[in-house]
Amino acid sequence: MWEEITIMAYTSQIKDPRQQTMDSTIILDPTLLRAAQRIYRTYCMLHPRNAKRPYGIAIHRKSYRGQLIFRNNPILLPGECFVPTKQLEVEI
């Protein structure tokens, strides 16, 4: 009399409460924000006609080394944080 029940869930439907949205504004260390702005400003000066706009910058909290992120959901390394482009443009 036992019936087998199959439940299917797509990964896009499953919400992880630990996952932060990339659109939320996070208050960062001012030095970290300035380093991210410098990286973004350099990219904009070197590629003024590039139509591809980054989503933001992944930057290490201690070394201030950063990398432009062109993907929607970046995977960060330990010690890194994500600074969205919206926050960089507001502060520049």
Protein backbone atom coordinates (compact mmCIF):
# COMPACT_ATOMS: atom_id res chain seq x y z
CA MET A 1 0.00 0.00 0.00
CA TRP A 2 3.01 2.29 0.12
CA GLU A 3 3.17 4.64 -2.84
CA GLU A 4 6.41 6.02 -4.09
CA ILE A 5 6.42 9.80 -4.25
CA THR A 6 8.95 11.66 -6.32
CA ILE A 7 9.63 15.29 -5.53
CA MET A 8 11.50 17.34 -8.09
CA ALA A 9 12.98 20.71 -7.28
CA TYR A 10 15.05 22.78 -9.62
CA THR A 11 18.09 24.48 -8.17
CA SER A 12 16.75 27.87 -9.21
CA GLN A 13 13.69 27.25 -7.01
CA ILE A 14 15.65 26.39 -3.88
CA LYS A 15 16.45 29.46 -1.79
CA ASP A 16 19.53 29.47 0.40
CA PRO A 17 19.06 31.85 3.35
CA ARG A 18 22.83 32.29 3.63
CA GLN A 19 23.12 33.57 0.07
CA GLN A 20 23.22 37.35 -0.23
CA THR A 21 21.65 39.10 -3.13
CA MET A 22 24.07 40.98 -5.34
CA ASP A 23 21.74 43.99 -5.52
CA SER A 24 21.87 44.74 -1.82
CA THR A 25 24.07 47.62 -0.75
CA ILE A 26 26.63 46.65 1.85
CA ILE A 27 28.59 49.18 3.86
CA LEU A 28 32.27 48.41 3.37
CA ASP A 29 35.54 49.55 4.80
CA PRO A 30 36.31 52.93 3.13
CA THR A 31 39.83 51.78 2.18
CA LEU A 32 38.39 48.67 0.57
CA LEU A 33 35.83 50.73 -1.31
CA ARG A 34 38.50 53.14 -2.59
CA ALA A 35 40.62 50.22 -3.82
CA ALA A 36 37.62 48.76 -5.65
CA GLN A 37 36.83 52.17 -7.16
CA ARG A 38 40.42 52.49 -8.36
CA ILE A 39 40.21 49.10 -10.09
CA TYR A 40 36.86 49.99 -11.69
CA ARG A 41 38.06 53.46 -12.77
CA THR A 42 41.17 51.95 -14.38
CA TYR A 43 38.99 49.49 -16.31
CA CYS A 44 36.71 52.31 -17.51
CA MET A 45 39.68 54.41 -18.66
CA LEU A 46 41.37 51.54 -20.51
CA HIS A 47 38.14 50.27 -22.11
CA PRO A 48 35.98 53.37 -22.71
CA ARG A 49 34.03 51.89 -25.62
CA ASN A 50 33.63 48.42 -24.23
CA ALA A 51 29.93 47.59 -24.06
CA LYS A 52 30.46 44.83 -21.53
CA ARG A 53 29.81 46.28 -18.10
CA PRO A 54 31.02 44.31 -15.08
CA TYR A 55 28.63 43.29 -12.30
CA GLY A 56 31.19 44.37 -9.74
CA ILE A 57 34.55 43.59 -8.22
CA ALA A 58 35.71 40.74 -6.04
CA ILE A 59 38.32 42.21 -3.72
CA HIS A 60 40.43 40.70 -0.95
CA ARG A 61 39.87 42.36 2.42
CA LYS A 62 43.52 42.39 3.50
CA SER A 63 45.60 42.67 0.32
CA TYR A 64 43.10 44.91 -1.57
CA ARG A 65 43.76 42.94 -4.75
CA GLY A 66 40.66 42.78 -6.87
CA GLN A 67 39.27 41.38 -10.05
CA LEU A 68 36.39 42.50 -12.24
CA ILE A 69 33.43 40.13 -12.22
CA PHE A 70 31.33 39.71 -15.35
CA ARG A 71 29.08 36.93 -14.05
CA ASN A 72 25.77 37.29 -12.31
CA ASN A 73 26.57 35.15 -9.25
CA PRO A 74 30.29 35.28 -8.48
CA ILE A 75 32.06 32.64 -6.45
CA LEU A 76 34.27 34.34 -3.91
CA LEU A 77 37.44 32.98 -2.39
CA PRO A 78 37.98 33.06 1.39
CA GLY A 79 38.81 36.60 2.46
CA GLU A 80 37.14 38.21 -0.57
CA CYS A 81 34.04 40.34 -0.69
CA PHE A 82 31.93 41.53 -3.61
CA VAL A 83 31.44 45.21 -4.38
CA PRO A 84 28.59 45.75 -6.87
CA THR A 85 29.05 48.20 -9.73
CA LYS A 86 26.07 50.23 -8.50
CA GLN A 87 27.91 50.99 -5.28
CA LEU A 88 31.10 51.91 -7.15
CA GLU A 89 29.35 54.32 -9.51
CA VAL A 90 27.45 56.04 -6.69
CA GLU A 91 30.65 56.70 -4.78
CA ILE A 92 32.76 57.88 -7.76
